Amino acid sequence: MTEYDTLKDTLAARYSCRAFKPDPVPDAIITKIVDAARHVPSWCNAQPWQVEITRGAATDTFRTALTDAAMSGKPPAPDLPWPKGYSGEYAERRRTCGFQLYDAAGIEKSDRAARAAQMLRNYALFDAPHVAILHAPDELGPYGAMDTGGFVTAFTLAATALGVATIPQAAIAAYAPLVRDHLDITDDRIVLCAISFGYADEDAPVNQFRTERAASDDIIRWHDE
């Protein structure tokens, strides 16, 4: 098997896990994941990412704080503006993913209460034993965020290669002030996202579906002249 085949298989195997076992991931494995992810490229080699990783009681305290904030009705206060909207094929992909999740969880599309409860699972970190919070310097703006996105991808792939399940979560950015205060992140950093991780509960219904990907021909625009 070539290195390309190994990489492609790892990419295909990665999925967003929404049910975890309580078993913690050994520190040595977490360090190996970060050790691999740190090799991703960044503009001028700035390497703007910083990661806060919880374990044990710290994860439980953090998930409780996030869930309480989400249930309180506080308005979102992300450091970066939310997307203006989803239209066309982007809206369709988003809608399809949502329906796949509801179907897997046994939630009727008309059951708004159950859908809201499923959304709150984001803030419970899907019961993962760990969460990684990613942030970047405010002075680098969207380009620091873009570079950190590369680190998120590499983190999830390295985790997959080591048998660790992950789910990147932008939802936590809605409560950036809480995240900053809770984890003592300075004001000159932008809170970007979380990655909840641990060992997958492979029997959980919400872990049984997989999203589709656009074909290469739908992504590439060739230019010859």
C-alpha atoms as a PDB file:
ATOM      1  CA  MET A   1       0.000   0.000   0.000  1.00  0.00           C
ATOM      2  CA  THR A   2       1.356   3.434  -0.933  1.00  0.00           C
ATOM      3  CA  GLU A   3       1.479   6.444   1.388  1.00  0.00           C
ATOM      4  CA  TYR A   4      -1.309   7.965  -0.706  1.00  0.00           C
ATOM      5  CA  ASP A   5      -3.501   4.899  -0.172  1.00  0.00           C
ATOM      6  CA  THR A   6      -2.858   5.001   3.577  1.00  0.00           C
ATOM      7  CA  LEU A   7      -3.741   8.686   3.745  1.00  0.00           C
ATOM      8  CA  LYS A   8      -6.871   8.273   1.642  1.00  0.00           C
ATOM      9  CA  ASP A   9      -8.043   5.327   3.750  1.00  0.00           C
ATOM     10  CA  THR A  10      -7.520   7.369   6.918  1.00  0.00           C
ATOM     11  CA  LEU A  11      -9.473  10.276   5.463  1.00  0.00           C
ATOM     12  CA  ALA A  12     -12.297   7.943   4.502  1.00  0.00           C
ATOM     13  CA  ALA A  13     -12.311   6.285   7.927  1.00  0.00           C
ATOM     14  CA  ARG A  14     -12.589   9.560   9.843  1.00  0.00           C
ATOM     15  CA  TYR A  15     -16.115  10.591  10.847  1.00  0.00           C
ATOM     16  CA  SER A  16     -17.763  12.859  13.395  1.00  0.00           C
ATOM     17  CA  CYS A  17     -18.334  10.716  16.463  1.00  0.00           C
ATOM     18  CA  ARG A  18     -21.393  11.623  18.536  1.00  0.00           C
ATOM     19  CA  ALA A  19     -21.251   8.982  21.266  1.00  0.00           C
ATOM     20  CA  PHE A  20     -18.135   8.136  23.262  1.00  0.00           C
ATOM     21  CA  LYS A  21     -17.099   5.598  25.841  1.00  0.00           C
ATOM     22  CA  PRO A  22     -16.000   7.083  29.185  1.00  0.00           C
ATOM     23  CA  ASP A  23     -12.517   5.578  28.951  1.00  0.00           C
ATOM     24  CA  PRO A  24      -9.799   8.258  28.947  1.00  0.00           C
ATOM     25  CA  VAL A  25      -7.179   8.441  26.227  1.00  0.00           C
ATOM     26  CA  PRO A  26      -3.650   8.022  27.647  1.00  0.00           C
ATOM     27  CA  ASP A  27      -1.594  11.211  27.764  1.00  0.00           C
ATOM     28  CA  ALA A  28       1.049   9.591  25.574  1.00  0.00           C
ATOM     29  CA  ILE A  29      -1.492   8.991  22.793  1.00  0.00           C
ATOM     30  CA  ILE A  30      -2.834  12.550  23.010  1.00  0.00           C
ATOM     31  CA  THR A  31       0.709  13.865  22.776  1.00  0.00           C
ATOM     32  CA  LYS A  32       1.351  11.706  19.689  1.00  0.00           C
ATOM     33  CA  ILE A  33      -1.759  13.174  18.032  1.00  0.00           C
ATOM     34  CA  VAL A  34      -0.570  16.730  18.646  1.00  0.00           C
ATOM     35  CA  ASP A  35       2.982  15.796  17.652  1.00  0.00           C
ATOM     36  CA  ALA A  36       1.701  14.752  14.226  1.00  0.00           C
ATOM     37  CA  ALA A  37      -0.737  17.647  13.795  1.00  0.00           C
ATOM     38  CA  ARG A  38       1.903  20.297  14.506  1.00  0.00           C
ATOM     39  CA  HIS A  39       3.549  19.571  11.146  1.00  0.00           C
ATOM     40  CA  VAL A  40       0.782  21.169   9.062  1.00  0.00           C
ATOM     41  CA  PRO A  41       1.740  24.248   7.018  1.00  0.00           C
ATOM     42  CA  SER A  42       0.945  27.797   8.080  1.00  0.00           C
ATOM     43  CA  TRP A  43       1.441  31.226   6.568  1.00  0.00           C
ATOM     44  CA  CYS A  44       5.060  32.319   7.177  1.00  0.00           C
ATOM     45  CA  ASN A  45       5.363  29.274   9.443  1.00  0.00           C
ATOM     46  CA  ALA A  46       3.641  31.298  12.176  1.00  0.00           C
ATOM     47  CA  GLN A  47       2.025  28.150  13.633  1.00  0.00           C
ATOM     48  CA  PRO A  48      -0.682  30.263  15.303  1.00  0.00           C
ATOM     49  CA  TRP A  49      -2.656  27.431  16.889  1.00  0.00           C
ATOM     50  CA  GLN A  50      -2.794  26.798  20.597  1.00  0.00           C
ATOM     51  CA  VAL A  51      -4.742  23.931  22.113  1.00  0.00           C
ATOM     52  CA  GLU A  52      -6.270  23.532  25.569  1.00  0.00           C
ATOM     53  CA  ILE A  53      -6.985  19.874  26.419  1.00  0.00           C
ATOM     54  CA  THR A  54      -9.191  18.759  29.288  1.00  0.00           C
ATOM     55  CA  ARG A  55      -9.209  15.439  31.071  1.00  0.00           C
ATOM     56  CA  GLY A  56     -11.020  13.928  34.030  1.00  0.00           C
ATOM     57  CA  ALA A  57     -13.058  16.311  36.158  1.00  0.00           C
ATOM     58  CA  ALA A  58     -12.004  19.284  34.017  1.00  0.00           C
ATOM     59  CA  THR A  59     -13.980  17.891  31.074  1.00  0.00           C
ATOM     60  CA  ASP A  60     -17.082  17.375  33.206  1.00  0.00           C
ATOM     61  CA  THR A  61     -16.871  20.870  34.701  1.00  0.00           C
ATOM     62  CA  PHE A  62     -16.471  22.399  31.265  1.00  0.00           C
ATOM     63  CA  ARG A  63     -19.370  20.469  29.694  1.00  0.00           C
ATOM     64  CA  THR A  64     -21.621  21.511  32.591  1.00  0.00           C
ATOM     65  CA  ALA A  65     -20.696  25.171  32.155  1.00  0.00           C
ATOM     66  CA  LEU A  66     -21.329  25.048  28.411  1.00  0.00           C
ATOM     67  CA  THR A  67     -24.664  23.244  28.777  1.00  0.00           C
ATOM     68  CA  ASP A  68     -25.844  25.681  31.451  1.00  0.00           C
ATOM     69  CA  ALA A  69     -24.956  28.602  29.183  1.00  0.00           C
ATOM     70  CA  ALA A  70     -26.751  27.060  26.201  1.00  0.00           C
ATOM     71  CA  MET A  71     -29.880  26.356  28.269  1.00  0.00           C
ATOM     72  CA  SER A  72     -29.896  29.846  29.768  1.00  0.00           C
ATOM     73  CA  GLY A  73     -30.865  31.432  26.470  1.00  0.00           C
ATOM     74  CA  LYS A  74     -27.800  33.669  26.329  1.00  0.00           C
ATOM     75  CA  PRO A  75     -27.342  35.118  22.847  1.00  0.00           C
ATOM     76  CA  PRO A  76     -24.353  33.815  20.860  1.00  0.00           C
ATOM     77  CA  ALA A  77     -21.156  35.846  21.230  1.00  0.00           C
ATOM     78  CA  PRO A  78     -18.582  34.264  18.907  1.00  0.00           C
ATOM     79  CA  ASP A  79     -15.216  35.915  18.341  1.00  0.00           C
ATOM     80  CA  LEU A  80     -15.665  35.496  14.584  1.00  0.00           C
ATOM     81  CA  PRO A  81     -19.001  36.206  12.860  1.00  0.00           C
ATOM     82  CA  TRP A  82     -21.203  33.232  12.034  1.00  0.00           C
ATOM     83  CA  PRO A  83     -21.688  32.333   8.349  1.00  0.00           C
ATOM     84  CA  LYS A  84     -24.080  34.746   6.618  1.00  0.00           C
ATOM     85  CA  GLY A  85     -26.092  31.755   5.440  1.00  0.00           C
ATOM     86  CA  TYR A  86     -26.099  28.479   3.549  1.00  0.00           C
ATOM     87  CA  SER A  87     -27.481  28.455   0.025  1.00  0.00           C
ATOM     88  CA  GLY A  88     -27.645  26.098  -2.945  1.00  0.00           C
ATOM     89  CA  GLU A  89     -25.576  22.942  -2.659  1.00  0.00           C
ATOM     90  CA  TYR A  90     -24.193  24.033   0.718  1.00  0.00           C
ATOM     91  CA  ALA A  91     -27.676  24.251   2.186  1.00  0.00           C
ATOM     92  CA  GLU A  92     -28.578  20.889   0.685  1.00  0.00           C
ATOM     93  CA  ARG A  93     -25.513  19.187   2.168  1.00  0.00           C
ATOM     94  CA  ARG A  94     -26.213  20.738   5.562  1.00  0.00           C
ATOM     95  CA  ARG A  95     -29.846  19.667   5.440  1.00  0.00           C
ATOM     96  CA  THR A  96     -28.962  16.119   4.381  1.00  0.00           C
ATOM     97  CA  CYS A  97     -26.447  15.748   7.199  1.00  0.00           C
ATOM     98  CA  GLY A  98     -29.032  16.934   9.726  1.00  0.00           C
ATOM     99  CA  PHE A  99     -31.683  14.536   8.465  1.00  0.00           C
ATOM    100  CA  GLN A 100     -29.193  11.642   8.546  1.00  0.00           C
ATOM    101  CA  LEU A 101     -28.420  12.450  12.179  1.00  0.00           C
ATOM    102  CA  TYR A 102     -32.097  12.667  13.160  1.00  0.00           C
ATOM    103  CA  ASP A 103     -32.855   9.402  11.381  1.00  0.00           C
ATOM    104  CA  ALA A 104     -29.975   7.655  13.146  1.00  0.00           C
ATOM    105  CA  ALA A 105     -31.113   9.034  16.505  1.00  0.00           C
ATOM    106  CA  GLY A 106     -34.727   8.028  15.844  1.00  0.00           C
ATOM    107  CA  ILE A 107     -35.931  11.651  15.887  1.00  0.00           C
ATOM    108  CA  GLU A 108     -38.889  12.668  13.740  1.00  0.00           C
ATOM    109  CA  LYS A 109     -38.195  15.745  11.626  1.00  0.00           C
ATOM    110  CA  SER A 110     -41.275  17.417  13.126  1.00  0.00           C
ATOM    111  CA  ASP A 111     -40.158  16.789  16.734  1.00  0.00           C
ATOM    112  CA  ARG A 112     -38.629  20.146  17.578  1.00  0.00           C
ATOM    113  CA  ALA A 113     -38.078  19.312  21.242  1.00  0.00           C
ATOM    114  CA  ALA A 114     -36.064  16.204  20.412  1.00  0.00           C
ATOM    115  CA  ARG A 115     -34.093  18.101  17.786  1.00  0.00           C
ATOM    116  CA  ALA A 116     -33.279  20.812  20.346  1.00  0.00           C
ATOM    117  CA  ALA A 117     -32.191  18.159  22.845  1.00  0.00           C
ATOM    118  CA  GLN A 118     -29.896  16.634  20.224  1.00  0.00           C
ATOM    119  CA  MET A 119     -28.411  20.071  19.550  1.00  0.00           C
ATOM    120  CA  LEU A 120     -27.627  20.443  23.253  1.00  0.00           C
ATOM    121  CA  ARG A 121     -25.527  17.299  23.009  1.00  0.00           C
ATOM    122  CA  ASN A 122     -22.915  19.538  21.375  1.00  0.00           C
ATOM    123  CA  TYR A 123     -22.441  21.348  24.673  1.00  0.00           C
ATOM    124  CA  ALA A 124     -22.326  18.095  26.630  1.00  0.00           C
ATOM    125  CA  LEU A 125     -19.421  17.273  24.290  1.00  0.00           C
ATOM    126  CA  PHE A 126     -21.262  14.060  23.369  1.00  0.00           C
ATOM    127  CA  ASP A 127     -20.009  12.624  26.691  1.00  0.00           C
ATOM    128  CA  ALA A 128     -16.423  12.563  25.415  1.00  0.00           C
ATOM    129  CA  PRO A 129     -13.747  12.182  28.107  1.00  0.00           C
ATOM    130  CA  HIS A 130     -11.661  14.952  26.538  1.00  0.00           C
ATOM    131  CA  VAL A 131     -12.106  18.161  24.610  1.00  0.00           C
ATOM    132  CA  ALA A 132      -9.482  20.218  22.805  1.00  0.00           C
ATOM    133  CA  ILE A 133     -10.203  23.941  22.455  1.00  0.00           C
ATOM    134  CA  LEU A 134      -8.423  25.638  19.558  1.00  0.00           C
ATOM    135  CA  HIS A 135      -7.575  29.337  19.528  1.00  0.00           C
ATOM    136  CA  ALA A 136      -5.363  31.648  17.495  1.00  0.00           C
ATOM    137  CA  PRO A 137      -3.993  35.210  17.790  1.00  0.00           C
ATOM    138  CA  ASP A 138      -6.546  37.934  17.163  1.00  0.00           C
ATOM    139  CA  GLU A 139      -3.962  39.961  15.218  1.00  0.00           C
ATOM    140  CA  LEU A 140      -3.793  37.284  12.500  1.00  0.00           C
ATOM    141  CA  GLY A 141      -7.537  37.443  11.867  1.00  0.00           C
ATOM    142  CA  PRO A 142      -9.071  34.986   9.404  1.00  0.00           C
ATOM    143  CA  TYR A 143      -5.675  33.806   8.193  1.00  0.00           C
ATOM    144  CA  GLY A 144      -4.716  32.578  11.652  1.00  0.00           C
ATOM    145  CA  ALA A 145      -8.095  30.856  11.774  1.00  0.00           C
ATOM    146  CA  MET A 146      -7.469  29.285   8.366  1.00  0.00           C
ATOM    147  CA  ASP A 147      -4.076  27.968   9.457  1.00  0.00           C
ATOM    148  CA  THR A 148      -5.625  26.546  12.622  1.00  0.00           C
ATOM    149  CA  GLY A 149      -8.202  24.769  10.477  1.00  0.00           C
ATOM    150  CA  GLY A 150      -5.322  22.810   8.993  1.00  0.00           C
ATOM    151  CA  PHE A 151      -4.278  21.805  12.492  1.00  0.00           C
ATOM    152  CA  VAL A 152      -7.845  20.645  13.253  1.00  0.00           C
ATOM    153  CA  THR A 153      -7.812  18.420  10.172  1.00  0.00           C
ATOM    154  CA  ALA A 154      -4.439  16.942  11.011  1.00  0.00           C
ATOM    155  CA  PHE A 155      -5.488  16.350  14.623  1.00  0.00           C
ATOM    156  CA  THR A 156      -8.559  14.381  13.566  1.00  0.00           C
ATOM    157  CA  LEU A 157      -6.593  12.314  11.040  1.00  0.00           C
ATOM    158  CA  ALA A 158      -3.796  11.501  13.481  1.00  0.00           C
ATOM    159  CA  ALA A 159      -6.416  10.535  16.060  1.00  0.00           C
ATOM    160  CA  THR A 160      -8.157   8.262  13.559  1.00  0.00           C
ATOM    161  CA  ALA A 161      -4.864   6.576  12.727  1.00  0.00           C
ATOM    162  CA  LEU A 162      -4.398   5.849  16.442  1.00  0.00           C
ATOM    163  CA  GLY A 163      -7.928   4.508  16.978  1.00  0.00           C
ATOM    164  CA  VAL A 164      -9.241   7.663  18.667  1.00  0.00           C
ATOM    165  CA  ALA A 165     -12.588   9.110  17.557  1.00  0.00           C
ATOM    166  CA  THR A 166     -13.188  12.847  17.183  1.00  0.00           C
ATOM    167  CA  ILE A 167     -15.782  15.459  16.349  1.00  0.00           C
ATOM    168  CA  PRO A 168     -14.820  19.050  15.484  1.00  0.00           C
ATOM    169  CA  GLN A 169     -17.373  21.457  16.945  1.00  0.00           C
ATOM    170  CA  ALA A 170     -17.861  25.090  15.960  1.00  0.00           C
ATOM    171  CA  ALA A 171     -20.884  25.303  18.281  1.00  0.00           C
ATOM    172  CA  ILE A 172     -18.794  26.064  21.363  1.00  0.00           C
ATOM    173  CA  ALA A 173     -17.575  29.300  19.734  1.00  0.00           C
ATOM    174  CA  ALA A 174     -21.034  30.710  20.454  1.00  0.00           C
ATOM    175  CA  TYR A 175     -19.903  31.049  24.056  1.00  0.00           C
ATOM    176  CA  ALA A 176     -16.398  32.356  23.448  1.00  0.00           C
ATOM    177  CA  PRO A 177     -16.397  34.644  26.535  1.00  0.00           C
ATOM    178  CA  LEU A 178     -17.288  31.699  28.783  1.00  0.00           C
ATOM    179  CA  VAL A 179     -14.652  29.496  27.132  1.00  0.00           C
ATOM    180  CA  ARG A 180     -12.039  32.216  27.523  1.00  0.00           C
ATOM    181  CA  ASP A 181     -12.820  32.773  31.201  1.00  0.00           C
ATOM    182  CA  HIS A 182     -13.129  29.076  32.031  1.00  0.00           C
ATOM    183  CA  LEU A 183      -9.816  28.085  30.438  1.00  0.00           C
ATOM    184  CA  ASP A 184      -7.943  31.323  31.197  1.00  0.00           C
ATOM    185  CA  ILE A 185      -7.416  32.208  27.530  1.00  0.00           C
ATOM    186  CA  THR A 186      -6.135  35.755  27.082  1.00  0.00           C
ATOM    187  CA  ASP A 187      -8.147  38.446  25.298  1.00  0.00           C
ATOM    188  CA  ASP A 188      -5.671  38.631  22.431  1.00  0.00           C
ATOM    189  CA  ARG A 189      -6.690  35.122  21.259  1.00  0.00           C
ATOM    190  CA  ILE A 190      -9.716  34.142  19.124  1.00  0.00           C
ATOM    191  CA  VAL A 191     -11.658  31.102  20.325  1.00  0.00           C
ATOM    192  CA  LEU A 192     -12.302  29.081  17.153  1.00  0.00           C
ATOM    193  CA  CYS A 193     -13.681  25.614  17.844  1.00  0.00           C
ATOM    194  CA  ALA A 194     -13.475  22.451  19.879  1.00  0.00           C
ATOM    195  CA  ILE A 195     -12.583  18.863  19.114  1.00  0.00           C
ATOM    196  CA  SER A 196     -14.268  16.403  21.455  1.00  0.00           C
ATOM    197  CA  PHE A 197     -12.410  13.114  21.429  1.00  0.00           C
ATOM    198  CA  GLY A 198     -12.105   9.691  23.008  1.00  0.00           C
ATOM    199  CA  TYR A 199     -12.989   6.115  22.115  1.00  0.00           C
ATOM    200  CA  ALA A 200     -16.154   5.653  20.081  1.00  0.00           C
ATOM    201  CA  ASP A 201     -19.221   3.852  21.318  1.00  0.00           C
ATOM    202  CA  GLU A 202     -19.454   1.934  18.070  1.00  0.00           C
ATOM    203  CA  ASP A 203     -22.873   0.479  18.894  1.00  0.00           C
ATOM    204  CA  ALA A 204     -24.538   3.870  19.358  1.00  0.00           C
ATOM    205  CA  PRO A 205     -27.085   4.592  16.583  1.00  0.00           C
ATOM    206  CA  VAL A 206     -25.749   8.136  16.071  1.00  0.00           C
ATOM    207  CA  ASN A 207     -22.405   6.648  15.050  1.00  0.00           C
ATOM    208  CA  GLN A 208     -23.884   4.466  12.318  1.00  0.00           C
ATOM    209  CA  PHE A 209     -24.321   6.968   9.484  1.00  0.00           C
ATOM    210  CA  ARG A 210     -21.682   8.534   7.245  1.00  0.00           C
ATOM    211  CA  THR A 211     -21.951  11.736   5.254  1.00  0.00           C
ATOM    212  CA  GLU A 212     -21.281  11.827   1.522  1.00  0.00           C
ATOM    213  CA  ARG A 213     -18.582  13.865  -0.197  1.00  0.00           C
ATOM    214  CA  ALA A 214     -18.739  15.805  -3.438  1.00  0.00           C
ATOM    215  CA  ALA A 215     -16.971  14.130  -6.359  1.00  0.00           C
ATOM    216  CA  SER A 216     -13.630  15.472  -7.560  1.00  0.00           C
ATOM    217  CA  ASP A 217     -15.239  16.652 -10.797  1.00  0.00           C
ATOM    218  CA  ASP A 218     -17.623  18.800  -8.744  1.00  0.00           C
ATOM    219  CA  ILE A 219     -14.715  20.507  -7.016  1.00  0.00           C
ATOM    220  CA  ILE A 220     -12.102  21.066  -9.732  1.00  0.00           C
ATOM    221  CA  ARG A 221     -12.258  23.794 -12.365  1.00  0.00           C
ATOM    222  CA  TRP A 222      -9.496  23.222 -14.928  1.00  0.00           C
ATOM    223  CA  HIS A 223      -7.887  26.214 -16.692  1.00  0.00           C
ATOM    224  CA  ASP A 224      -5.721  25.618 -19.760  1.00  0.00           C
ATOM    225  CA  GLU A 225      -5.529  29.068 -21.322  1.00  0.00           C
END
